Amino acid sequence: MKKARLYWLPRILTIVLIIFISIFALDVFSDFTGVELLVALFMHLIPSLILIVVLVVAWKWEKIGGILFIITAIVTTIFFKTYQDIIVFLLISLPPLAIGILFLINSKNRKKTKRTKK
């Protein structure tokens, strides 16, 4: 039961993070119309699309996905300068870091389980 929770926790947290980040794209509906709206919506959803790709990779290869999430957290911190405000850092940069660590822990636990079964 505990292993199942550890398996699903980073995946569910990632989905919640993607939804949270995607909410910020909704502001385009008040400023744009037509083709401009589609372009602006796509541009605002690029971070969510990147997270979706990283989640797909992490779902298949947990160790690589964990490393990618940690890299995502570092890049987000530097690119968006979230280190300047602790609240922004906690909301934007810390979740991918925690998710990456959870994927790495889960990957390590799965390897231990495979070794002990042999």
PDB file of N, CA and C in Angstrom:
ATOM      1  N   MET A   1       0.824  -1.204   0.000  1.00  0.00           N
ATOM      2  CA  MET A   1       0.000   0.000   0.000  1.00  0.00           C
ATOM      3  C   MET A   1       0.861   1.259   0.000  1.00  0.00           C
ATOM      4  N   LYS A   2       1.922   1.263   0.815  1.00  0.00           N
ATOM      5  CA  LYS A   2       2.800   2.422   0.897  1.00  0.00           C
ATOM      6  C   LYS A   2       3.522   2.653  -0.431  1.00  0.00           C
ATOM      7  N   LYS A   3       3.924   1.577  -1.088  1.00  0.00           N
ATOM      8  CA  LYS A   3       4.609   1.702  -2.367  1.00  0.00           C
ATOM      9  C   LYS A   3       3.666   2.240  -3.439  1.00  0.00           C
ATOM     10  N   ALA A   4       2.404   1.860  -3.366  1.00  0.00           N
ATOM     11  CA  ALA A   4       1.424   2.372  -4.330  1.00  0.00           C
ATOM     12  C   ALA A   4       1.236   3.873  -4.147  1.00  0.00           C
ATOM     13  N   ARG A   5       1.216   4.333  -2.908  1.00  0.00           N
ATOM     14  CA  ARG A   5       1.103   5.777  -2.648  1.00  0.00           C
ATOM     15  C   ARG A   5       2.309   6.522  -3.181  1.00  0.00           C
ATOM     16  N   LEU A   6       3.486   5.963  -2.935  1.00  0.00           N
ATOM     17  CA  LEU A   6       4.708   6.597  -3.414  1.00  0.00           C
ATOM     18  C   LEU A   6       4.748   6.596  -4.937  1.00  0.00           C
ATOM     19  N   TYR A   7       4.180   5.583  -5.552  1.00  0.00           N
ATOM     20  CA  TYR A   7       4.125   5.530  -7.013  1.00  0.00           C
ATOM     21  C   TYR A   7       3.230   6.639  -7.567  1.00  0.00           C
ATOM     22  N   TRP A   8       2.059   6.820  -6.962  1.00  0.00           N
ATOM     23  CA  TRP A   8       1.076   7.765  -7.495  1.00  0.00           C
ATOM     24  C   TRP A   8       1.292   9.204  -7.046  1.00  0.00           C
ATOM     25  N   LEU A   9       1.921   9.434  -5.900  1.00  0.00           N
ATOM     26  CA  LEU A   9       2.062  10.783  -5.362  1.00  0.00           C
ATOM     27  C   LEU A   9       2.726  11.763  -6.339  1.00  0.00           C
ATOM     28  N   PRO A  10       3.898  11.466  -6.902  1.00  0.00           N
ATOM     29  CA  PRO A  10       4.496  12.456  -7.812  1.00  0.00           C
ATOM     30  C   PRO A  10       3.680  12.665  -9.080  1.00  0.00           C
ATOM     31  N   ARG A  11       3.002  11.637  -9.530  1.00  0.00           N
ATOM     32  CA  ARG A  11       2.181  11.760 -10.738  1.00  0.00           C
ATOM     33  C   ARG A  11       0.978  12.670 -10.487  1.00  0.00           C
ATOM     34  N   ILE A  12       0.310  12.470  -9.374  1.00  0.00           N
ATOM     35  CA  ILE A  12      -0.846  13.302  -9.036  1.00  0.00           C
ATOM     36  C   ILE A  12      -0.406  14.740  -8.765  1.00  0.00           C
ATOM     37  N   LEU A  13       0.697  14.909  -8.057  1.00  0.00           N
ATOM     38  CA  LEU A  13       1.209  16.261  -7.800  1.00  0.00           C
ATOM     39  C   LEU A  13       1.567  16.977  -9.102  1.00  0.00           C
ATOM     40  N   THR A  14       2.104  16.243 -10.059  1.00  0.00           N
ATOM     41  CA  THR A  14       2.432  16.850 -11.346  1.00  0.00           C
ATOM     42  C   THR A  14       1.175  17.301 -12.081  1.00  0.00           C
ATOM     43  N   ILE A  15       0.149  16.472 -12.067  1.00  0.00           N
ATOM     44  CA  ILE A  15      -1.112  16.840 -12.721  1.00  0.00           C
ATOM     45  C   ILE A  15      -1.706  18.082 -12.064  1.00  0.00           C
ATOM     46  N   VAL A  16      -1.664  18.143 -10.731  1.00  0.00           N
ATOM     47  CA  VAL A  16      -2.154  19.323 -10.015  1.00  0.00           C
ATOM     48  C   VAL A  16      -1.317  20.553 -10.385  1.00  0.00           C
ATOM     49  N   LEU A  17      -0.007  20.388 -10.469  1.00  0.00           N
ATOM     50  CA  LEU A  17       0.873  21.500 -10.845  1.00  0.00           C
ATOM     51  C   LEU A  17       0.569  21.972 -12.271  1.00  0.00           C
ATOM     52  N   ILE A  18       0.343  21.053 -13.189  1.00  0.00           N
ATOM     53  CA  ILE A  18       0.023  21.422 -14.565  1.00  0.00           C
ATOM     54  C   ILE A  18      -1.282  22.220 -14.613  1.00  0.00           C
ATOM     55  N   ILE A  19      -2.275  21.781 -13.865  1.00  0.00           N
ATOM     56  CA  ILE A  19      -3.547  22.508 -13.818  1.00  0.00           C
ATOM     57  C   ILE A  19      -3.339  23.901 -13.228  1.00  0.00           C
ATOM     58  N   PHE A  20      -2.557  23.986 -12.148  1.00  0.00           N
ATOM     59  CA  PHE A  20      -2.283  25.271 -11.509  1.00  0.00           C
ATOM     60  C   PHE A  20      -1.581  26.225 -12.469  1.00  0.00           C
ATOM     61  N   ILE A  21      -0.547  25.747 -13.151  1.00  0.00           N
ATOM     62  CA  ILE A  21       0.192  26.585 -14.091  1.00  0.00           C
ATOM     63  C   ILE A  21      -0.704  26.981 -15.270  1.00  0.00           C
ATOM     64  N   SER A  22      -1.574  26.084 -15.700  1.00  0.00           N
ATOM     65  CA  SER A  22      -2.456  26.358 -16.839  1.00  0.00           C
ATOM     66  C   SER A  22      -3.489  27.435 -16.531  1.00  0.00           C
ATOM     67  N   ILE A  23      -3.849  27.571 -15.275  1.00  0.00           N
ATOM     68  CA  ILE A  23      -4.825  28.597 -14.889  1.00  0.00           C
ATOM     69  C   ILE A  23      -4.329  29.998 -15.268  1.00  0.00           C
ATOM     70  N   PHE A  24      -3.025  30.198 -15.216  1.00  0.00           N
ATOM     71  CA  PHE A  24      -2.465  31.512 -15.562  1.00  0.00           C
ATOM     72  C   PHE A  24      -2.678  31.856 -17.033  1.00  0.00           C
ATOM     73  N   ALA A  25      -2.952  30.878 -17.870  1.00  0.00           N
ATOM     74  CA  ALA A  25      -3.178  31.133 -19.296  1.00  0.00           C
ATOM     75  C   ALA A  25      -4.564  31.706 -19.562  1.00  0.00           C
ATOM     76  N   LEU A  26      -5.442  31.636 -18.597  1.00  0.00           N
ATOM     77  CA  LEU A  26      -6.813  32.096 -18.812  1.00  0.00           C
ATOM     78  C   LEU A  26      -6.923  33.611 -18.988  1.00  0.00           C
ATOM     79  N   ASP A  27      -5.914  34.336 -18.600  1.00  0.00           N
ATOM     80  CA  ASP A  27      -5.986  35.795 -18.740  1.00  0.00           C
ATOM     81  C   ASP A  27      -5.980  36.253 -20.200  1.00  0.00           C
ATOM     82  N   VAL A  28      -5.618  35.390 -21.130  1.00  0.00           N
ATOM     83  CA  VAL A  28      -5.594  35.788 -22.544  1.00  0.00           C
ATOM     84  C   VAL A  28      -6.998  36.027 -23.092  1.00  0.00           C
ATOM     85  N   PHE A  29      -8.008  35.445 -22.481  1.00  0.00           N
ATOM     86  CA  PHE A  29      -9.366  35.597 -22.990  1.00  0.00           C
ATOM     87  C   PHE A  29      -9.895  37.025 -22.837  1.00  0.00           C
ATOM     88  N   SER A  30      -9.324  37.781 -21.946  1.00  0.00           N
ATOM     89  CA  SER A  30      -9.783  39.160 -21.768  1.00  0.00           C
ATOM     90  C   SER A  30      -9.072  40.149 -22.688  1.00  0.00           C
ATOM     91  N   ASP A  31      -7.953  39.731 -23.270  1.00  0.00           N
ATOM     92  CA  ASP A  31      -7.141  40.672 -24.045  1.00  0.00           C
ATOM     93  C   ASP A  31      -7.123  40.423 -25.552  1.00  0.00           C
ATOM     94  N   PHE A  32      -7.440  39.212 -25.984  1.00  0.00           N
ATOM     95  CA  PHE A  32      -7.258  38.866 -27.391  1.00  0.00           C
ATOM     96  C   PHE A  32      -8.528  38.271 -27.987  1.00  0.00           C
ATOM     97  N   THR A  33      -8.596  38.277 -29.327  1.00  0.00           N
ATOM     98  CA  THR A  33      -9.698  37.631 -30.040  1.00  0.00           C
ATOM     99  C   THR A  33      -9.134  36.952 -31.286  1.00  0.00           C
ATOM    100  N   GLY A  34      -9.869  36.017 -31.826  1.00  0.00           N
ATOM    101  CA  GLY A  34      -9.515  35.350 -33.077  1.00  0.00           C
ATOM    102  C   GLY A  34      -8.208  34.600 -33.021  1.00  0.00           C
ATOM    103  N   VAL A  35      -7.424  34.764 -34.078  1.00  0.00           N
ATOM    104  CA  VAL A  35      -6.155  34.053 -34.203  1.00  0.00           C
ATOM    105  C   VAL A  35      -5.175  34.504 -33.123  1.00  0.00           C
ATOM    106  N   GLU A  36      -5.219  35.783 -32.781  1.00  0.00           N
ATOM    107  CA  GLU A  36      -4.349  36.286 -31.708  1.00  0.00           C
ATOM    108  C   GLU A  36      -4.602  35.532 -30.410  1.00  0.00           C
ATOM    109  N   LEU A  37      -5.864  35.221 -30.155  1.00  0.00           N
ATOM    110  CA  LEU A  37      -6.231  34.475 -28.945  1.00  0.00           C
ATOM    111  C   LEU A  37      -5.588  33.100 -28.955  1.00  0.00           C
ATOM    112  N   LEU A  38      -5.649  32.412 -30.082  1.00  0.00           N
ATOM    113  CA  LEU A  38      -5.056  31.074 -30.174  1.00  0.00           C
ATOM    114  C   LEU A  38      -3.544  31.108 -29.989  1.00  0.00           C
ATOM    115  N   VAL A  39      -2.906  32.091 -30.602  1.00  0.00           N
ATOM    116  CA  VAL A  39      -1.451  32.221 -30.470  1.00  0.00           C
ATOM    117  C   VAL A  39      -1.082  32.546 -29.019  1.00  0.00           C
ATOM    118  N   ALA A  40      -1.792  33.488 -28.432  1.00  0.00           N
ATOM    119  CA  ALA A  40      -1.507  33.870 -27.038  1.00  0.00           C
ATOM    120  C   ALA A  40      -1.774  32.711 -26.088  1.00  0.00           C
ATOM    121  N   LEU A  41      -2.846  31.974 -26.325  1.00  0.00           N
ATOM    122  CA  LEU A  41      -3.154  30.825 -25.467  1.00  0.00           C
ATOM    123  C   LEU A  41      -2.063  29.766 -25.580  1.00  0.00           C
ATOM    124  N   PHE A  42      -1.625  29.501 -26.798  1.00  0.00           N
ATOM    125  CA  PHE A  42      -0.537  28.541 -26.991  1.00  0.00           C
ATOM    126  C   PHE A  42       0.725  28.997 -26.268  1.00  0.00           C
ATOM    127  N   MET A  43       1.056  30.274 -26.417  1.00  0.00           N
ATOM    128  CA  MET A  43       2.263  30.805 -25.770  1.00  0.00           C
ATOM    129  C   MET A  43       2.185  30.682 -24.249  1.00  0.00           C
ATOM    130  N   HIS A  44       1.005  30.946 -23.699  1.00  0.00           N
ATOM    131  CA  HIS A  44       0.840  30.864 -22.247  1.00  0.00           C
ATOM    132  C   HIS A  44       0.820  29.424 -21.753  1.00  0.00           C
ATOM    133  N   LEU A  45       0.497  28.491 -22.613  1.00  0.00           N
ATOM    134  CA  LEU A  45       0.431  27.084 -22.211  1.00  0.00           C
ATOM    135  C   LEU A  45       1.735  26.322 -22.453  1.00  0.00           C
ATOM    136  N   ILE A  46       2.754  26.974 -22.969  1.00  0.00           N
ATOM    137  CA  ILE A  46       4.043  26.299 -23.208  1.00  0.00           C
ATOM    138  C   ILE A  46       4.613  25.685 -21.926  1.00  0.00           C
ATOM    139  N   PRO A  47       4.618  26.379 -20.773  1.00  0.00           N
ATOM    140  CA  PRO A  47       5.118  25.722 -19.556  1.00  0.00           C
ATOM    141  C   PRO A  47       4.322  24.462 -19.195  1.00  0.00           C
ATOM    142  N   SER A  48       3.026  24.504 -19.385  1.00  0.00           N
ATOM    143  CA  SER A  48       2.202  23.324 -19.100  1.00  0.00           C
ATOM    144  C   SER A  48       2.531  22.184 -20.060  1.00  0.00           C
ATOM    145  N   LEU A  49       2.739  22.515 -21.317  1.00  0.00           N
ATOM    146  CA  LEU A  49       3.088  21.494 -22.306  1.00  0.00           C
ATOM    147  C   LEU A  49       4.440  20.859 -21.991  1.00  0.00           C
ATOM    148  N   ILE A  50       5.373  21.669 -21.558  1.00  0.00           N
ATOM    149  CA  ILE A  50       6.690  21.141 -21.161  1.00  0.00           C
ATOM    150  C   ILE A  50       6.527  20.193 -19.982  1.00  0.00           C
ATOM    151  N   LEU A  51       5.731  20.585 -19.001  1.00  0.00           N
ATOM    152  CA  LEU A  51       5.502  19.711 -17.839  1.00  0.00           C
ATOM    153  C   LEU A  51       4.810  18.416 -18.239  1.00  0.00           C
ATOM    154  N   ILE A  52       3.910  18.482 -19.204  1.00  0.00           N
ATOM    155  CA  ILE A  52       3.245  17.266 -19.672  1.00  0.00           C
ATOM    156  C   ILE A  52       4.263  16.321 -20.309  1.00  0.00           C
ATOM    157  N   VAL A  53       5.159  16.860 -21.124  1.00  0.00           N
ATOM    158  CA  VAL A  53       6.192  16.029 -21.756  1.00  0.00           C
ATOM    159  C   VAL A  53       7.095  15.411 -20.691  1.00  0.00           C
ATOM    160  N   VAL A  54       7.495  16.198 -19.720  1.00  0.00           N
ATOM    161  CA  VAL A  54       8.356  15.678 -18.650  1.00  0.00           C
ATOM    162  C   VAL A  54       7.615  14.604 -17.851  1.00  0.00           C
ATOM    163  N   LEU A  55       6.323  14.799 -17.605  1.00  0.00           N
ATOM    164  CA  LEU A  55       5.542  13.788 -16.893  1.00  0.00           C
ATOM    165  C   LEU A  55       5.463  12.486 -17.685  1.00  0.00           C
ATOM    166  N   VAL A  56       5.264  12.577 -18.984  1.00  0.00           N
ATOM    167  CA  VAL A  56       5.214  11.364 -19.816  1.00  0.00           C
ATOM    168  C   VAL A  56       6.545  10.620 -19.745  1.00  0.00           C
ATOM    169  N   VAL A  57       7.650  11.350 -19.811  1.00  0.00           N
ATOM    170  CA  VAL A  57       8.972  10.728 -19.692  1.00  0.00           C
ATOM    171  C   VAL A  57       9.136  10.102 -18.311  1.00  0.00           C
ATOM    172  N   ALA A  58       8.736  10.836 -17.277  1.00  0.00           N
ATOM    173  CA  ALA A  58       8.884  10.340 -15.902  1.00  0.00           C
ATOM    174  C   ALA A  58       8.012   9.116 -15.648  1.00  0.00           C
ATOM    175  N   TRP A  59       6.864   9.068 -16.275  1.00  0.00           N
ATOM    176  CA  TRP A  59       5.981   7.932 -16.083  1.00  0.00           C
ATOM    177  C   TRP A  59       6.635   6.658 -16.629  1.00  0.00           C
ATOM    178  N   LYS A  60       7.356   6.797 -17.732  1.00  0.00           N
ATOM    179  CA  LYS A  60       8.006   5.649 -18.360  1.00  0.00           C
ATOM    180  C   LYS A  60       9.356   5.351 -17.704  1.00  0.00           C
ATOM    181  N   TRP A  61      10.166   6.394 -17.522  1.00  0.00           N
ATOM    182  CA  TRP A  61      11.502   6.243 -16.937  1.00  0.00           C
ATOM    183  C   TRP A  61      11.609   7.177 -15.734  1.00  0.00           C
ATOM    184  N   GLU A  62      11.391   6.653 -14.553  1.00  0.00           N
ATOM    185  CA  GLU A  62      11.296   7.476 -13.346  1.00  0.00           C
ATOM    186  C   GLU A  62      12.582   8.228 -13.026  1.00  0.00           C
ATOM    187  N   LYS A  63      13.714   7.577 -13.188  1.00  0.00           N
ATOM    188  CA  LYS A  63      14.980   8.238 -12.851  1.00  0.00           C
ATOM    189  C   LYS A  63      15.242   9.421 -13.783  1.00  0.00           C
ATOM    190  N   ILE A  64      15.078   9.214 -15.077  1.00  0.00           N
ATOM    191  CA  ILE A  64      15.280  10.299 -16.044  1.00  0.00           C
ATOM    192  C   ILE A  64      14.263  11.408 -15.795  1.00  0.00           C
ATOM    193  N   GLY A  65      13.016  11.029 -15.548  1.00  0.00           N
ATOM    194  CA  GLY A  65      11.971  12.011 -15.270  1.00  0.00           C
ATOM    195  C   GLY A  65      12.267  12.809 -14.014  1.00  0.00           C
ATOM    196  N   GLY A  66      12.753  12.144 -12.973  1.00  0.00           N
ATOM    197  CA  GLY A  66      13.112  12.840 -11.740  1.00  0.00           C
ATOM    198  C   GLY A  66      14.193  13.870 -11.974  1.00  0.00           C
ATOM    199  N   ILE A  67      15.196  13.485 -12.756  1.00  0.00           N
ATOM    200  CA  ILE A  67      16.274  14.417 -13.079  1.00  0.00           C
ATOM    201  C   ILE A  67      15.730  15.588 -13.902  1.00  0.00           C
ATOM    202  N   LEU A  68      14.845  15.296 -14.860  1.00  0.00           N
ATOM    203  CA  LEU A  68      14.253  16.366 -15.675  1.00  0.00           C
ATOM    204  C   LEU A  68      13.427  17.333 -14.834  1.00  0.00           C
ATOM    205  N   PHE A  69      12.698  16.814 -13.842  1.00  0.00           N
ATOM    206  CA  PHE A  69      11.928  17.700 -12.976  1.00  0.00           C
ATOM    207  C   PHE A  69      12.843  18.591 -12.143  1.00  0.00           C
ATOM    208  N   ILE A  70      13.947  18.049 -11.671  1.00  0.00           N
ATOM    209  CA  ILE A  70      14.894  18.857 -10.905  1.00  0.00           C
ATOM    210  C   ILE A  70      15.516  19.929 -11.800  1.00  0.00           C
ATOM    211  N   ILE A  71      15.865  19.560 -13.030  1.00  0.00           N
ATOM    212  CA  ILE A  71      16.385  20.543 -13.983  1.00  0.00           C
ATOM    213  C   ILE A  71      15.332  21.613 -14.271  1.00  0.00           C
ATOM    214  N   THR A  72      14.082  21.187 -14.415  1.00  0.00           N
ATOM    215  CA  THR A  72      12.985  22.133 -14.633  1.00  0.00           C
ATOM    216  C   THR A  72      12.880  23.126 -13.480  1.00  0.00           C
ATOM    217  N   ALA A  73      13.026  22.641 -12.259  1.00  0.00           N
ATOM    218  CA  ALA A  73      12.963  23.522 -11.088  1.00  0.00           C
ATOM    219  C   ALA A  73      14.109  24.536 -11.103  1.00  0.00           C
ATOM    220  N   ILE A  74      15.293  24.076 -11.456  1.00  0.00           N
ATOM    221  CA  ILE A  74      16.450  24.972 -11.492  1.00  0.00           C
ATOM    222  C   ILE A  74      16.291  26.020 -12.593  1.00  0.00           C
ATOM    223  N   VAL A  75      15.892  25.573 -13.781  1.00  0.00           N
ATOM    224  CA  VAL A  75      15.705  26.502 -14.903  1.00  0.00           C
ATOM    225  C   VAL A  75      14.603  27.513 -14.587  1.00  0.00           C
ATOM    226  N   THR A  76      13.520  27.036 -13.996  1.00  0.00           N
ATOM    227  CA  THR A  76      12.419  27.931 -13.617  1.00  0.00           C
ATOM    228  C   THR A  76      12.890  28.980 -12.615  1.00  0.00           C
ATOM    229  N   THR A  77      13.670  28.551 -11.653  1.00  0.00           N
ATOM    230  CA  THR A  77      14.177  29.475 -10.640  1.00  0.00           C
ATOM    231  C   THR A  77      15.051  30.556 -11.270  1.00  0.00           C
ATOM    232  N   ILE A  78      15.912  30.162 -12.186  1.00  0.00           N
ATOM    233  CA  ILE A  78      16.822  31.124 -12.805  1.00  0.00           C
ATOM    234  C   ILE A  78      16.095  31.991 -13.841  1.00  0.00           C
ATOM    235  N   PHE A  79      15.340  31.350 -14.742  1.00  0.00           N
ATOM    236  CA  PHE A  79      14.706  32.068 -15.847  1.00  0.00           C
ATOM    237  C   PHE A  79      13.641  33.053 -15.377  1.00  0.00           C
ATOM    238  N   PHE A  80      12.800  32.621 -14.433  1.00  0.00           N
ATOM    239  CA  PHE A  80      11.725  33.484 -13.940  1.00  0.00           C
ATOM    240  C   PHE A  80      12.099  34.239 -12.673  1.00  0.00           C
ATOM    241  N   LYS A  81      13.335  34.075 -12.225  1.00  0.00           N
ATOM    242  CA  LYS A  81      13.860  34.764 -11.036  1.00  0.00           C
ATOM    243  C   LYS A  81      12.941  34.589  -9.823  1.00  0.00           C
ATOM    244  N   THR A  82      12.486  33.358  -9.624  1.00  0.00           N
ATOM    245  CA  THR A  82      11.589  33.102  -8.497  1.00  0.00           C
ATOM    246  C   THR A  82      12.311  33.199  -7.159  1.00  0.00           C
ATOM    247  N   TYR A  83      13.634  33.216  -7.189  1.00  0.00           N
ATOM    248  CA  TYR A  83      14.400  33.348  -5.950  1.00  0.00           C
ATOM    249  C   TYR A  83      14.245  34.739  -5.321  1.00  0.00           C
ATOM    250  N   GLN A  84      13.704  35.686  -6.070  1.00  0.00           N
ATOM    251  CA  GLN A  84      13.540  37.043  -5.555  1.00  0.00           C
ATOM    252  C   GLN A  84      12.364  37.178  -4.589  1.00  0.00           C
ATOM    253  N   ASP A  85      11.415  36.262  -4.665  1.00  0.00           N
ATOM    254  CA  ASP A  85      10.232  36.308  -3.796  1.00  0.00           C
ATOM    255  C   ASP A  85       9.957  34.898  -3.278  1.00  0.00           C
ATOM    256  N   ILE A  86       9.972  34.727  -1.984  1.00  0.00           N
ATOM    257  CA  ILE A  86       9.848  33.397  -1.385  1.00  0.00           C
ATOM    258  C   ILE A  86       8.512  32.732  -1.721  1.00  0.00           C
ATOM    259  N   ILE A  87       7.434  33.504  -1.771  1.00  0.00           N
ATOM    260  CA  ILE A  87       6.121  32.935  -2.091  1.00  0.00           C
ATOM    261  C   ILE A  87       6.105  32.388  -3.516  1.00  0.00           C
ATOM    262  N   VAL A  88       6.631  33.171  -4.444  1.00  0.00           N
ATOM    263  CA  VAL A  88       6.697  32.723  -5.848  1.00  0.00           C
ATOM    264  C   VAL A  88       7.584  31.491  -5.958  1.00  0.00           C
ATOM    265  N   PHE A  89       8.692  31.489  -5.245  1.00  0.00           N
ATOM    266  CA  PHE A  89       9.578  30.324  -5.254  1.00  0.00           C
ATOM    267  C   PHE A  89       8.852  29.081  -4.739  1.00  0.00           C
ATOM    268  N   LEU A  90       8.125  29.242  -3.639  1.00  0.00           N
ATOM    269  CA  LEU A  90       7.413  28.100  -3.051  1.00  0.00           C
ATOM    270  C   LEU A  90       6.294  27.590  -3.962  1.00  0.00           C
ATOM    271  N   LEU A  91       5.665  28.481  -4.706  1.00  0.00           N
ATOM    272  CA  LEU A  91       4.547  28.077  -5.566  1.00  0.00           C
ATOM    273  C   LEU A  91       4.979  27.576  -6.938  1.00  0.00           C
ATOM    274  N   ILE A  92       6.074  28.108  -7.478  1.00  0.00           N
ATOM    275  CA  ILE A  92       6.459  27.805  -8.850  1.00  0.00           C
ATOM    276  C   ILE A  92       7.676  26.880  -8.943  1.00  0.00           C
ATOM    277  N   SER A  93       8.702  27.123  -8.176  1.00  0.00           N
ATOM    278  CA  SER A  93       9.954  26.374  -8.323  1.00  0.00           C
ATOM    279  C   SER A  93      10.072  25.158  -7.407  1.00  0.00           C
ATOM    280  N   LEU A  94       9.523  25.241  -6.229  1.00  0.00           N
ATOM    281  CA  LEU A  94       9.664  24.128  -5.291  1.00  0.00           C
ATOM    282  C   LEU A  94       8.878  22.870  -5.690  1.00  0.00           C
ATOM    283  N   PRO A  95       7.648  22.978  -6.209  1.00  0.00           N
ATOM    284  CA  PRO A  95       6.923  21.750  -6.574  1.00  0.00           C
ATOM    285  C   PRO A  95       7.655  20.854  -7.577  1.00  0.00           C
ATOM    286  N   PRO A  96       8.229  21.378  -8.674  1.00  0.00           N
ATOM    287  CA  PRO A  96       8.958  20.461  -9.562  1.00  0.00           C
ATOM    288  C   PRO A  96      10.168  19.819  -8.888  1.00  0.00           C
ATOM    289  N   LEU A  97      10.811  20.560  -7.987  1.00  0.00           N
ATOM    290  CA  LEU A  97      11.945  19.993  -7.255  1.00  0.00           C
ATOM    291  C   LEU A  97      11.482  18.831  -6.379  1.00  0.00           C
ATOM    292  N   ALA A  98      10.404  19.042  -5.642  1.00  0.00           N
ATOM    293  CA  ALA A  98       9.869  17.978  -4.779  1.00  0.00           C
ATOM    294  C   ALA A  98       9.394  16.789  -5.609  1.00  0.00           C
ATOM    295  N   ILE A  99       8.752  17.051  -6.728  1.00  0.00           N
ATOM    296  CA  ILE A  99       8.266  15.977  -7.592  1.00  0.00           C
ATOM    297  C   ILE A  99       9.449  15.180  -8.150  1.00  0.00           C
ATOM    298  N   GLY A 100      10.490  15.878  -8.558  1.00  0.00           N
ATOM    299  CA  GLY A 100      11.683  15.199  -9.060  1.00  0.00           C
ATOM    300  C   GLY A 100      12.308  14.303  -8.008  1.00  0.00           C
ATOM    301  N   ILE A 101      12.394  14.797  -6.790  1.00  0.00           N
ATOM    302  CA  ILE A 101      12.945  13.990  -5.694  1.00  0.00           C
ATOM    303  C   ILE A 101      12.063  12.767  -5.441  1.00  0.00           C
ATOM    304  N   LEU A 102      10.741  12.949  -5.480  1.00  0.00           N
ATOM    305  CA  LEU A 102       9.833  11.810  -5.284  1.00  0.00           C
ATOM    306  C   LEU A 102       9.991  10.765  -6.389  1.00  0.00           C
ATOM    307  N   PHE A 103      10.154  11.203  -7.621  1.00  0.00           N
ATOM    308  CA  PHE A 103      10.378  10.249  -8.715  1.00  0.00           C
ATOM    309  C   PHE A 103      11.689   9.493  -8.516  1.00  0.00           C
ATOM    310  N   LEU A 104      12.734  10.200  -8.076  1.00  0.00           N
ATOM    311  CA  LEU A 104      14.016   9.532  -7.843  1.00  0.00           C
ATOM    312  C   LEU A 104      13.932   8.534  -6.692  1.00  0.00           C
ATOM    313  N   ILE A 105      13.232   8.907  -5.626  1.00  0.00           N
ATOM    314  CA  ILE A 105      13.041   7.982  -4.496  1.00  0.00           C
ATOM    315  C   ILE A 105      12.271   6.751  -4.948  1.00  0.00           C
ATOM    316  N   ASN A 106      11.226   6.973  -5.712  1.00  0.00           N
ATOM    317  CA  ASN A 106      10.419   5.863  -6.199  1.00  0.00           C
ATOM    318  C   ASN A 106      11.243   4.952  -7.108  1.00  0.00           C
ATOM    319  N   SER A 107      12.070   5.546  -7.957  1.00  0.00           N
ATOM    320  CA  SER A 107      12.928   4.763  -8.842  1.00  0.00           C
ATOM    321  C   SER A 107      13.893   3.898  -8.040  1.00  0.00           C
ATOM    322  N   LYS A 108      14.476   4.486  -7.000  1.00  0.00           N
ATOM    323  CA  LYS A 108      15.417   3.749  -6.158  1.00  0.00           C
ATOM    324  C   LYS A 108      14.714   2.608  -5.410  1.00  0.00           C
ATOM    325  N   ASN A 109      13.529   2.878  -4.891  1.00  0.00           N
ATOM    326  CA  ASN A 109      12.774   1.849  -4.171  1.00  0.00           C
ATOM    327  C   ASN A 109      12.382   0.699  -5.088  1.00  0.00           C
ATOM    328  N   ARG A 110      12.033   0.994  -6.326  1.00  0.00           N
ATOM    329  CA  ARG A 110      11.668  -0.050  -7.282  1.00  0.00           C
ATOM    330  C   ARG A 110      12.864  -0.947  -7.589  1.00  0.00           C
ATOM    331  N   LYS A 111      14.060  -0.355  -7.702  1.00  0.00           N
ATOM    332  CA  LYS A 111      15.258  -1.149  -7.955  1.00  0.00           C
ATOM    333  C   LYS A 111      15.561  -2.066  -6.772  1.00  0.00           C
ATOM    334  N   LYS A 112      15.380  -1.553  -5.549  1.00  0.00           N
ATOM    335  CA  LYS A 112      15.587  -2.385  -4.361  1.00  0.00           C
ATOM    336  C   LYS A 112      14.610  -3.538  -4.332  1.00  0.00           C
ATOM    337  N   THR A 113      13.356  -3.264  -4.682  1.00  0.00           N
ATOM    338  CA  THR A 113      12.331  -4.305  -4.690  1.00  0.00           C
ATOM    339  C   THR A 113      12.667  -5.375  -5.727  1.00  0.00           C
ATOM    340  N   LYS A 114      13.141  -4.969  -6.902  1.00  0.00           N
ATOM    341  CA  LYS A 114      13.510  -5.923  -7.941  1.00  0.00           C
ATOM    342  C   LYS A 114      14.683  -6.787  -7.504  1.00  0.00           C
ATOM    343  N   ARG A 115      15.664  -6.188  -6.801  1.00  0.00           N
ATOM    344  CA  ARG A 115      16.821  -6.939  -6.339  1.00  0.00           C
ATOM    345  C   ARG A 115      16.447  -7.954  -5.270  1.00  0.00           C
ATOM    346  N   THR A 116      15.552  -7.584  -4.362  1.00  0.00           N
ATOM    347  CA  THR A 116      15.191  -8.494  -3.284  1.00  0.00           C
ATOM    348  C   THR A 116      14.296  -9.637  -3.775  1.00  0.00           C
ATOM    349  N   LYS A 117      13.585  -9.453  -4.868  1.00  0.00           N
ATOM    350  CA  LYS A 117      12.739 -10.507  -5.416  1.00  0.00           C
ATOM    351  C   LYS A 117      13.546 -11.573  -6.129  1.00  0.00           C
ATOM    352  N   LYS A 118      14.751 -11.224  -6.603  1.00  0.00           N
ATOM    353  CA  LYS A 118      15.564 -12.197  -7.354  1.00  0.00           C
ATOM    354  C   LYS A 118      16.145 -13.239  -6.474  1.00  0.00           C
TER     355      LYS A 118
END
